[in-house]
Amino acid sequence: MTAETLALIASYFLCSEAAETRLLDRAEVEACTSTYTAVKLSFLPDVDATDYATMTAVERAEVNQRGYAAYLAWRAANPTLVSEMEAEAHHQLSTSGS
């Protein structure tokens, strides 16, 4: 797991935490959607963002499913790290007032 991937996941956890506590504005939704897609793609070494952008809707759906499954497997294999990262996201949002 690279530091870049962990940073993406941390950003996704911030998005998720924010969405659980308030309505996100359009810019936030778009940014969080991009982050979530990047997280899923980070678990698929055979697909990058350029490849993804040129895929058909059916191909993107298959890639999203594979990436999500790999992400879930990572979560299951790293419960302590996931809990720590989620707690940090909660802490950041609760202390920033966002």
PDB file of N, CA and C in Angstrom:
ATOM      1  N   MET A   1       0.858  -1.175   0.000  1.00  0.00           N
ATOM      2  CA  MET A   1       0.000   0.000   0.000  1.00  0.00           C
ATOM      3  C   MET A   1       0.902   1.235   0.000  1.00  0.00           C
ATOM      4  N   THR A   2       0.716   2.073  -0.986  1.00  0.00           N
ATOM      5  CA  THR A   2       1.534   3.276  -1.089  1.00  0.00           C
ATOM      6  C   THR A   2       0.973   4.390  -0.207  1.00  0.00           C
ATOM      7  N   ALA A   3       1.832   5.348   0.075  1.00  0.00           N
ATOM      8  CA  ALA A   3       1.394   6.518   0.845  1.00  0.00           C
ATOM      9  C   ALA A   3       0.322   7.282   0.074  1.00  0.00           C
ATOM     10  N   GLU A   4       0.436   7.313  -1.248  1.00  0.00           N
ATOM     11  CA  GLU A   4      -0.564   7.994  -2.077  1.00  0.00           C
ATOM     12  C   GLU A   4      -1.932   7.324  -1.944  1.00  0.00           C
ATOM     13  N   THR A   5      -1.945   6.000  -1.958  1.00  0.00           N
ATOM     14  CA  THR A   5      -3.213   5.274  -1.817  1.00  0.00           C
ATOM     15  C   THR A   5      -3.809   5.510  -0.436  1.00  0.00           C
ATOM     16  N   LEU A   6      -2.986   5.479   0.586  1.00  0.00           N
ATOM     17  CA  LEU A   6      -3.488   5.742   1.942  1.00  0.00           C
ATOM     18  C   LEU A   6      -4.050   7.161   2.046  1.00  0.00           C
ATOM     19  N   ALA A   7      -3.409   8.123   1.385  1.00  0.00           N
ATOM     20  CA  ALA A   7      -3.913   9.500   1.396  1.00  0.00           C
ATOM     21  C   ALA A   7      -5.258   9.584   0.676  1.00  0.00           C
ATOM     22  N   LEU A   8      -5.413   8.858  -0.429  1.00  0.00           N
ATOM     23  CA  LEU A   8      -6.698   8.814  -1.135  1.00  0.00           C
ATOM     24  C   LEU A   8      -7.788   8.238  -0.239  1.00  0.00           C
ATOM     25  N   ILE A   9      -7.460   7.148   0.437  1.00  0.00           N
ATOM     26  CA  ILE A   9      -8.437   6.513   1.323  1.00  0.00           C
ATOM     27  C   ILE A   9      -8.804   7.451   2.470  1.00  0.00           C
ATOM     28  N   ALA A  10      -7.812   8.136   3.016  1.00  0.00           N
ATOM     29  CA  ALA A  10      -8.080   9.104   4.088  1.00  0.00           C
ATOM     30  C   ALA A  10      -9.012  10.201   3.583  1.00  0.00           C
ATOM     31  N   SER A  11      -8.790  10.662   2.360  1.00  0.00           N
ATOM     32  CA  SER A  11      -9.672  11.681   1.776  1.00  0.00           C
ATOM     33  C   SER A  11     -11.080  11.140   1.594  1.00  0.00           C
ATOM     34  N   TYR A  12     -11.173   9.886   1.164  1.00  0.00           N
ATOM     35  CA  TYR A  12     -12.488   9.270   1.011  1.00  0.00           C
ATOM     36  C   TYR A  12     -13.193   9.172   2.368  1.00  0.00           C
ATOM     37  N   PHE A  13     -12.464   8.794   3.411  1.00  0.00           N
ATOM     38  CA  PHE A  13     -13.067   8.711   4.739  1.00  0.00           C
ATOM     39  C   PHE A  13     -13.567  10.083   5.203  1.00  0.00           C
ATOM     40  N   LEU A  14     -12.839  11.144   4.880  1.00  0.00           N
ATOM     41  CA  LEU A  14     -13.312  12.495   5.201  1.00  0.00           C
ATOM     42  C   LEU A  14     -14.616  12.798   4.468  1.00  0.00           C
ATOM     43  N   CYS A  15     -14.661  12.423   3.197  1.00  0.00           N
ATOM     44  CA  CYS A  15     -15.897  12.621   2.421  1.00  0.00           C
ATOM     45  C   CYS A  15     -17.057  11.852   3.044  1.00  0.00           C
ATOM     46  N   SER A  16     -16.799  10.619   3.356  1.00  0.00           N
ATOM     47  CA  SER A  16     -17.839   9.761   3.913  1.00  0.00           C
ATOM     48  C   SER A  16     -18.347  10.311   5.243  1.00  0.00           C
ATOM     49  N   GLU A  17     -17.423  10.719   6.069  1.00  0.00           N
ATOM     50  CA  GLU A  17     -17.794  11.272   7.380  1.00  0.00           C
ATOM     51  C   GLU A  17     -18.601  12.559   7.207  1.00  0.00           C
ATOM     52  N   ALA A  18     -18.175  13.416   6.303  1.00  0.00           N
ATOM     53  CA  ALA A  18     -18.898  14.661   6.063  1.00  0.00           C
ATOM     54  C   ALA A  18     -20.307  14.371   5.556  1.00  0.00           C
ATOM     55  N   ALA A  19     -20.434  13.419   4.661  1.00  0.00           N
ATOM     56  CA  ALA A  19     -21.744  13.080   4.097  1.00  0.00           C
ATOM     57  C   ALA A  19     -22.679  12.490   5.145  1.00  0.00           C
ATOM     58  N   GLU A  20     -22.123  11.880   6.161  1.00  0.00           N
ATOM     59  CA  GLU A  20     -22.952  11.327   7.230  1.00  0.00           C
ATOM     60  C   GLU A  20     -23.460  12.405   8.186  1.00  0.00           C
ATOM     61  N   THR A  21     -22.797  13.552   8.183  1.00  0.00           N
ATOM     62  CA  THR A  21     -23.164  14.579   9.157  1.00  0.00           C
ATOM     63  C   THR A  21     -23.880  15.783   8.558  1.00  0.00           C
ATOM     64  N   ARG A  22     -23.761  15.955   7.233  1.00  0.00           N
ATOM     65  CA  ARG A  22     -24.409  17.111   6.611  1.00  0.00           C
ATOM     66  C   ARG A  22     -24.573  16.869   5.115  1.00  0.00           C
ATOM     67  N   LEU A  23     -25.369  17.707   4.498  1.00  0.00           N
ATOM     68  CA  LEU A  23     -25.560  17.657   3.060  1.00  0.00           C
ATOM     69  C   LEU A  23     -24.344  18.280   2.387  1.00  0.00           C
ATOM     70  N   LEU A  24     -23.736  17.559   1.470  1.00  0.00           N
ATOM     71  CA  LEU A  24     -22.580  18.085   0.754  1.00  0.00           C
ATOM     72  C   LEU A  24     -23.054  18.986  -0.387  1.00  0.00           C
ATOM     73  N   ASP A  25     -22.274  20.031  -0.669  1.00  0.00           N
ATOM     74  CA  ASP A  25     -22.626  20.869  -1.812  1.00  0.00           C
ATOM     75  C   ASP A  25     -22.137  20.186  -3.100  1.00  0.00           C
ATOM     76  N   ARG A  26     -22.536  20.741  -4.224  1.00  0.00           N
ATOM     77  CA  ARG A  26     -22.237  20.109  -5.513  1.00  0.00           C
ATOM     78  C   ARG A  26     -20.737  19.890  -5.721  1.00  0.00           C
ATOM     79  N   ALA A  27     -19.932  20.879  -5.413  1.00  0.00           N
ATOM     80  CA  ALA A  27     -18.482  20.755  -5.591  1.00  0.00           C
ATOM     81  C   ALA A  27     -17.920  19.627  -4.723  1.00  0.00           C
ATOM     82  N   GLU A  28     -18.416  19.531  -3.492  1.00  0.00           N
ATOM     83  CA  GLU A  28     -17.968  18.458  -2.603  1.00  0.00           C
ATOM     84  C   GLU A  28     -18.375  17.091  -3.138  1.00  0.00           C
ATOM     85  N   VAL A  29     -19.598  16.989  -3.641  1.00  0.00           N
ATOM     86  CA  VAL A  29     -20.070  15.722  -4.200  1.00  0.00           C
ATOM     87  C   VAL A  29     -19.185  15.302  -5.370  1.00  0.00           C
ATOM     88  N   GLU A  30     -18.893  16.243  -6.250  1.00  0.00           N
ATOM     89  CA  GLU A  30     -18.048  15.931  -7.403  1.00  0.00           C
ATOM     90  C   GLU A  30     -16.638  15.523  -6.967  1.00  0.00           C
ATOM     91  N   ALA A  31     -16.074  16.240  -6.015  1.00  0.00           N
ATOM     92  CA  ALA A  31     -14.739  15.911  -5.525  1.00  0.00           C
ATOM     93  C   ALA A  31     -14.725  14.547  -4.841  1.00  0.00           C
ATOM     94  N   CYS A  32     -15.744  14.281  -4.037  1.00  0.00           N
ATOM     95  CA  CYS A  32     -15.812  12.996  -3.331  1.00  0.00           C
ATOM     96  C   CYS A  32     -16.030  11.842  -4.306  1.00  0.00           C
ATOM     97  N   THR A  33     -16.824  12.066  -5.329  1.00  0.00           N
ATOM     98  CA  THR A  33     -17.047  11.031  -6.341  1.00  0.00           C
ATOM     99  C   THR A  33     -15.745  10.710  -7.050  1.00  0.00           C
ATOM    100  N   SER A  34     -14.992  11.739  -7.403  1.00  0.00           N
ATOM    101  CA  SER A  34     -13.685  11.526  -8.046  1.00  0.00           C
ATOM    102  C   SER A  34     -12.725  10.798  -7.116  1.00  0.00           C
ATOM    103  N   THR A  35     -12.740  11.170  -5.860  1.00  0.00           N
ATOM    104  CA  THR A  35     -11.868  10.513  -4.879  1.00  0.00           C
ATOM    105  C   THR A  35     -12.225   9.047  -4.743  1.00  0.00           C
ATOM    106  N   TYR A  36     -13.516   8.752  -4.653  1.00  0.00           N
ATOM    107  CA  TYR A  36     -13.950   7.360  -4.502  1.00  0.00           C
ATOM    108  C   TYR A  36     -13.564   6.538  -5.720  1.00  0.00           C
ATOM    109  N   THR A  37     -13.713   7.104  -6.899  1.00  0.00           N
ATOM    110  CA  THR A  37     -13.297   6.390  -8.111  1.00  0.00           C
ATOM    111  C   THR A  37     -11.796   6.148  -8.080  1.00  0.00           C
ATOM    112  N   ALA A  38     -11.024   7.150  -7.681  1.00  0.00           N
ATOM    113  CA  ALA A  38      -9.569   6.995  -7.595  1.00  0.00           C
ATOM    114  C   ALA A  38      -9.184   5.915  -6.587  1.00  0.00           C
ATOM    115  N   VAL A  39      -9.913   5.841  -5.464  1.00  0.00           N
ATOM    116  CA  VAL A  39      -9.645   4.796  -4.473  1.00  0.00           C
ATOM    117  C   VAL A  39      -9.842   3.419  -5.105  1.00  0.00           C
ATOM    118  N   LYS A  40     -10.971   3.233  -5.769  1.00  0.00           N
ATOM    119  CA  LYS A  40     -11.244   1.928  -6.388  1.00  0.00           C
ATOM    120  C   LYS A  40     -10.207   1.598  -7.448  1.00  0.00           C
ATOM    121  N   LEU A  41      -9.834   2.578  -8.262  1.00  0.00           N
ATOM    122  CA  LEU A  41      -8.831   2.326  -9.297  1.00  0.00           C
ATOM    123  C   LEU A  41      -7.461   2.026  -8.701  1.00  0.00           C
ATOM    124  N   SER A  42      -7.176   2.581  -7.531  1.00  0.00           N
ATOM    125  CA  SER A  42      -5.873   2.343  -6.906  1.00  0.00           C
ATOM    126  C   SER A  42      -5.666   0.875  -6.530  1.00  0.00           C
ATOM    127  N   PHE A  43      -6.746   0.129  -6.423  1.00  0.00           N
ATOM    128  CA  PHE A  43      -6.656  -1.293  -6.103  1.00  0.00           C
ATOM    129  C   PHE A  43      -6.579  -2.169  -7.352  1.00  0.00           C
ATOM    130  N   LEU A  44      -6.586  -1.542  -8.520  1.00  0.00           N
ATOM    131  CA  LEU A  44      -6.560  -2.289  -9.778  1.00  0.00           C
ATOM    132  C   LEU A  44      -5.339  -1.867 -10.593  1.00  0.00           C
ATOM    133  N   PRO A  45      -4.247  -2.595 -10.482  1.00  0.00           N
ATOM    134  CA  PRO A  45      -3.024  -2.190 -11.188  1.00  0.00           C
ATOM    135  C   PRO A  45      -3.149  -2.230 -12.709  1.00  0.00           C
ATOM    136  N   ASP A  46      -4.161  -2.915 -13.215  1.00  0.00           N
ATOM    137  CA  ASP A  46      -4.326  -3.032 -14.669  1.00  0.00           C
ATOM    138  C   ASP A  46      -5.178  -1.924 -15.278  1.00  0.00           C
ATOM    139  N   VAL A  47      -5.679  -0.981 -14.452  1.00  0.00           N
ATOM    140  CA  VAL A  47      -6.533   0.096 -14.959  1.00  0.00           C
ATOM    141  C   VAL A  47      -6.075   1.413 -14.337  1.00  0.00           C
ATOM    142  N   ASP A  48      -5.883   2.422 -15.185  1.00  0.00           N
ATOM    143  CA  ASP A  48      -5.587   3.750 -14.645  1.00  0.00           C
ATOM    144  C   ASP A  48      -6.698   4.712 -15.054  1.00  0.00           C
ATOM    145  N   ALA A  49      -6.601   5.943 -14.597  1.00  0.00           N
ATOM    146  CA  ALA A  49      -7.663   6.919 -14.835  1.00  0.00           C
ATOM    147  C   ALA A  49      -7.864   7.184 -16.329  1.00  0.00           C
ATOM    148  N   THR A  50      -6.795   7.180 -17.100  1.00  0.00           N
ATOM    149  CA  THR A  50      -6.908   7.397 -18.538  1.00  0.00           C
ATOM    150  C   THR A  50      -7.672   6.260 -19.191  1.00  0.00           C
ATOM    151  N   ASP A  51      -7.325   5.027 -18.818  1.00  0.00           N
ATOM    152  CA  ASP A  51      -8.050   3.868 -19.342  1.00  0.00           C
ATOM    153  C   ASP A  51      -9.531   3.961 -18.970  1.00  0.00           C
ATOM    154  N   TYR A  52      -9.780   4.269 -17.711  1.00  0.00           N
ATOM    155  CA  TYR A  52     -11.150   4.335 -17.187  1.00  0.00           C
ATOM    156  C   TYR A  52     -11.982   5.348 -17.966  1.00  0.00           C
ATOM    157  N   ALA A  53     -11.393   6.485 -18.265  1.00  0.00           N
ATOM    158  CA  ALA A  53     -12.123   7.559 -18.956  1.00  0.00           C
ATOM    159  C   ALA A  53     -12.554   7.155 -20.359  1.00  0.00           C
ATOM    160  N   THR A  54     -11.846   6.220 -20.974  1.00  0.00           N
ATOM    161  CA  THR A  54     -12.173   5.819 -22.349  1.00  0.00           C
ATOM    162  C   THR A  54     -13.048   4.574 -22.414  1.00  0.00           C
ATOM    163  N   MET A  55     -13.405   4.017 -21.281  1.00  0.00           N
ATOM    164  CA  MET A  55     -14.208   2.790 -21.249  1.00  0.00           C
ATOM    165  C   MET A  55     -15.678   3.073 -21.514  1.00  0.00           C
ATOM    166  N   THR A  56     -16.353   2.037 -21.960  1.00  0.00           N
ATOM    167  CA  THR A  56     -17.810   2.106 -22.089  1.00  0.00           C
ATOM    168  C   THR A  56     -18.417   2.057 -20.692  1.00  0.00           C
ATOM    169  N   ALA A  57     -19.687   2.364 -20.599  1.00  0.00           N
ATOM    170  CA  ALA A  57     -20.381   2.314 -19.304  1.00  0.00           C
ATOM    171  C   ALA A  57     -20.340   0.907 -18.723  1.00  0.00           C
ATOM    172  N   VAL A  58     -20.483  -0.091 -19.559  1.00  0.00           N
ATOM    173  CA  VAL A  58     -20.447  -1.486 -19.089  1.00  0.00           C
ATOM    174  C   VAL A  58     -19.060  -1.825 -18.546  1.00  0.00           C
ATOM    175  N   GLU A  59     -18.022  -1.399 -19.256  1.00  0.00           N
ATOM    176  CA  GLU A  59     -16.653  -1.651 -18.789  1.00  0.00           C
ATOM    177  C   GLU A  59     -16.375  -0.921 -17.483  1.00  0.00           C
ATOM    178  N   ARG A  60     -16.824   0.332 -17.376  1.00  0.00           N
ATOM    179  CA  ARG A  60     -16.626   1.087 -16.128  1.00  0.00           C
ATOM    180  C   ARG A  60     -17.351   0.418 -14.967  1.00  0.00           C
ATOM    181  N   ALA A  61     -18.547  -0.095 -15.222  1.00  0.00           N
ATOM    182  CA  ALA A  61     -19.295  -0.785 -14.160  1.00  0.00           C
ATOM    183  C   ALA A  61     -18.521  -1.997 -13.675  1.00  0.00           C
ATOM    184  N   GLU A  62     -17.944  -2.756 -14.573  1.00  0.00           N
ATOM    185  CA  GLU A  62     -17.168  -3.945 -14.190  1.00  0.00           C
ATOM    186  C   GLU A  62     -15.925  -3.534 -13.402  1.00  0.00           C
ATOM    187  N   VAL A  63     -15.249  -2.488 -13.846  1.00  0.00           N
ATOM    188  CA  VAL A  63     -14.064  -1.994 -13.140  1.00  0.00           C
ATOM    189  C   VAL A  63     -14.449  -1.495 -11.754  1.00  0.00           C
ATOM    190  N   ASN A  64     -15.555  -0.756 -11.655  1.00  0.00           N
ATOM    191  CA  ASN A  64     -16.027  -0.278 -10.349  1.00  0.00           C
ATOM    192  C   ASN A  64     -16.303  -1.436  -9.401  1.00  0.00           C
ATOM    193  N   GLN A  65     -16.923  -2.488  -9.902  1.00  0.00           N
ATOM    194  CA  GLN A  65     -17.211  -3.654  -9.060  1.00  0.00           C
ATOM    195  C   GLN A  65     -15.927  -4.333  -8.598  1.00  0.00           C
ATOM    196  N   ARG A  66     -14.975  -4.502  -9.515  1.00  0.00           N
ATOM    197  CA  ARG A  66     -13.700  -5.129  -9.130  1.00  0.00           C
ATOM    198  C   ARG A  66     -12.942  -4.265  -8.129  1.00  0.00           C
ATOM    199  N   GLY A  67     -12.911  -2.959  -8.383  1.00  0.00           N
ATOM    200  CA  GLY A  67     -12.215  -2.055  -7.468  1.00  0.00           C
ATOM    201  C   GLY A  67     -12.862  -2.019  -6.095  1.00  0.00           C
ATOM    202  N   TYR A  68     -14.180  -2.012  -6.068  1.00  0.00           N
ATOM    203  CA  TYR A  68     -14.900  -2.004  -4.795  1.00  0.00           C
ATOM    204  C   TYR A  68     -14.644  -3.296  -4.022  1.00  0.00           C
ATOM    205  N   ALA A  69     -14.663  -4.418  -4.720  1.00  0.00           N
ATOM    206  CA  ALA A  69     -14.392  -5.709  -4.064  1.00  0.00           C
ATOM    207  C   ALA A  69     -12.981  -5.720  -3.482  1.00  0.00           C
ATOM    208  N   ALA A  70     -12.022  -5.187  -4.224  1.00  0.00           N
ATOM    209  CA  ALA A  70     -10.638  -5.143  -3.728  1.00  0.00           C
ATOM    210  C   ALA A  70     -10.528  -4.200  -2.530  1.00  0.00           C
ATOM    211  N   TYR A  71     -11.239  -3.084  -2.579  1.00  0.00           N
ATOM    212  CA  TYR A  71     -11.264  -2.145  -1.458  1.00  0.00           C
ATOM    213  C   TYR A  71     -11.857  -2.804  -0.215  1.00  0.00           C
ATOM    214  N   LEU A  72     -12.968  -3.509  -0.383  1.00  0.00           N
ATOM    215  CA  LEU A  72     -13.582  -4.213   0.752  1.00  0.00           C
ATOM    216  C   LEU A  72     -12.647  -5.267   1.325  1.00  0.00           C
ATOM    217  N   ALA A  73     -11.930  -5.968   0.460  1.00  0.00           N
ATOM    218  CA  ALA A  73     -10.966  -6.970   0.929  1.00  0.00           C
ATOM    219  C   ALA A  73      -9.859  -6.294   1.740  1.00  0.00           C
ATOM    220  N   TRP A  74      -9.394  -5.137   1.270  1.00  0.00           N
ATOM    221  CA  TRP A  74      -8.376  -4.398   2.007  1.00  0.00           C
ATOM    222  C   TRP A  74      -8.913  -3.976   3.373  1.00  0.00           C
ATOM    223  N   ARG A  75     -10.133  -3.458   3.413  1.00  0.00           N
ATOM    224  CA  ARG A  75     -10.747  -3.072   4.694  1.00  0.00           C
ATOM    225  C   ARG A  75     -10.796  -4.259   5.652  1.00  0.00           C
ATOM    226  N   ALA A  76     -11.237  -5.406   5.140  1.00  0.00           N
ATOM    227  CA  ALA A  76     -11.354  -6.612   5.977  1.00  0.00           C
ATOM    228  C   ALA A  76      -9.989  -7.061   6.491  1.00  0.00           C
ATOM    229  N   ALA A  77      -8.961  -6.867   5.688  1.00  0.00           N
ATOM    230  CA  ALA A  77      -7.610  -7.303   6.074  1.00  0.00           C
ATOM    231  C   ALA A  77      -6.913  -6.300   6.999  1.00  0.00           C
ATOM    232  N   ASN A  78      -7.464  -5.094   7.122  1.00  0.00           N
ATOM    233  CA  ASN A  78      -6.817  -4.030   7.895  1.00  0.00           C
ATOM    234  C   ASN A  78      -7.793  -3.318   8.833  1.00  0.00           C
ATOM    235  N   PRO A  79      -8.495  -4.063   9.685  1.00  0.00           N
ATOM    236  CA  PRO A  79      -9.538  -3.423  10.506  1.00  0.00           C
ATOM    237  C   PRO A  79      -9.004  -2.373  11.480  1.00  0.00           C
ATOM    238  N   THR A  80      -7.835  -2.583  12.022  1.00  0.00           N
ATOM    239  CA  THR A  80      -7.292  -1.607  12.972  1.00  0.00           C
ATOM    240  C   THR A  80      -6.950  -0.310  12.261  1.00  0.00           C
ATOM    241  N   LEU A  81      -6.284  -0.408  11.131  1.00  0.00           N
ATOM    242  CA  LEU A  81      -5.929   0.784  10.360  1.00  0.00           C
ATOM    243  C   LEU A  81      -7.186   1.521   9.894  1.00  0.00           C
ATOM    244  N   VAL A  82      -8.168   0.786   9.425  1.00  0.00           N
ATOM    245  CA  VAL A  82      -9.425   1.396   8.973  1.00  0.00           C
ATOM    246  C   VAL A  82     -10.086   2.143  10.130  1.00  0.00           C
ATOM    247  N   SER A  83     -10.157   1.519  11.288  1.00  0.00           N
ATOM    248  CA  SER A  83     -10.757   2.181  12.460  1.00  0.00           C
ATOM    249  C   SER A  83     -10.003   3.450  12.824  1.00  0.00           C
ATOM    250  N   GLU A  84      -8.683   3.382  12.789  1.00  0.00           N
ATOM    251  CA  GLU A  84      -7.870   4.559  13.113  1.00  0.00           C
ATOM    252  C   GLU A  84      -8.101   5.676  12.100  1.00  0.00           C
ATOM    253  N   MET A  85      -8.148   5.321  10.820  1.00  0.00           N
ATOM    254  CA  MET A  85      -8.334   6.318   9.773  1.00  0.00           C
ATOM    255  C   MET A  85      -9.736   6.934   9.845  1.00  0.00           C
ATOM    256  N   GLU A  86     -10.733   6.121  10.113  1.00  0.00           N
ATOM    257  CA  GLU A  86     -12.096   6.639  10.252  1.00  0.00           C
ATOM    258  C   GLU A  86     -12.211   7.550  11.477  1.00  0.00           C
ATOM    259  N   ALA A  87     -11.577   7.157  12.569  1.00  0.00           N
ATOM    260  CA  ALA A  87     -11.598   7.991  13.775  1.00  0.00           C
ATOM    261  C   ALA A  87     -10.896   9.319  13.512  1.00  0.00           C
ATOM    262  N   GLU A  88      -9.816   9.289  12.766  1.00  0.00           N
ATOM    263  CA  GLU A  88      -9.096  10.522  12.432  1.00  0.00           C
ATOM    264  C   GLU A  88      -9.966  11.432  11.559  1.00  0.00           C
ATOM    265  N   ALA A  89     -10.678  10.860  10.606  1.00  0.00           N
ATOM    266  CA  ALA A  89     -11.573  11.659   9.767  1.00  0.00           C
ATOM    267  C   ALA A  89     -12.658  12.306  10.632  1.00  0.00           C
ATOM    268  N   HIS A  90     -13.225  11.531  11.537  1.00  0.00           N
ATOM    269  CA  HIS A  90     -14.257  12.069  12.442  1.00  0.00           C
ATOM    270  C   HIS A  90     -13.676  13.209  13.281  1.00  0.00           C
ATOM    271  N   HIS A  91     -12.479  12.990  13.807  1.00  0.00           N
ATOM    272  CA  HIS A  91     -11.825  14.003  14.639  1.00  0.00           C
ATOM    273  C   HIS A  91     -11.562  15.276  13.837  1.00  0.00           C
ATOM    274  N   GLN A  92     -11.052  15.132  12.619  1.00  0.00           N
ATOM    275  CA  GLN A  92     -10.747  16.294  11.786  1.00  0.00           C
ATOM    276  C   GLN A  92     -12.006  17.116  11.520  1.00  0.00           C
ATOM    277  N   LEU A  93     -13.081  16.437  11.195  1.00  0.00           N
ATOM    278  CA  LEU A  93     -14.315  17.170  10.899  1.00  0.00           C
ATOM    279  C   LEU A  93     -14.936  17.777  12.141  1.00  0.00           C
ATOM    280  N   SER A  94     -14.841  17.081  13.260  1.00  0.00           N
ATOM    281  CA  SER A  94     -15.445  17.614  14.480  1.00  0.00           C
ATOM    282  C   SER A  94     -14.670  18.809  15.027  1.00  0.00           C
ATOM    283  N   THR A  95     -13.388  18.870  14.754  1.00  0.00           N
ATOM    284  CA  THR A  95     -12.594  20.009  15.257  1.00  0.00           C
ATOM    285  C   THR A  95     -12.517  21.163  14.263  1.00  0.00           C
ATOM    286  N   SER A  96     -12.881  20.891  13.002  1.00  0.00           N
ATOM    287  CA  SER A  96     -12.819  21.958  11.995  1.00  0.00           C
ATOM    288  C   SER A  96     -14.151  22.669  11.834  1.00  0.00           C
ATOM    289  N   GLY A  97     -15.205  22.062  12.379  1.00  0.00           N
ATOM    290  CA  GLY A  97     -16.517  22.672  12.264  1.00  0.00           C
ATOM    291  C   GLY A  97     -17.177  22.427  10.912  1.00  0.00           C
ATOM    292  N   SER A  98     -16.599  21.556  10.087  1.00  0.00           N
ATOM    293  CA  SER A  98     -17.179  21.280   8.759  1.00  0.00           C
ATOM    294  C   SER A  98     -18.311  20.316   8.829  1.00  0.00           C
TER     295      SER A  98
END
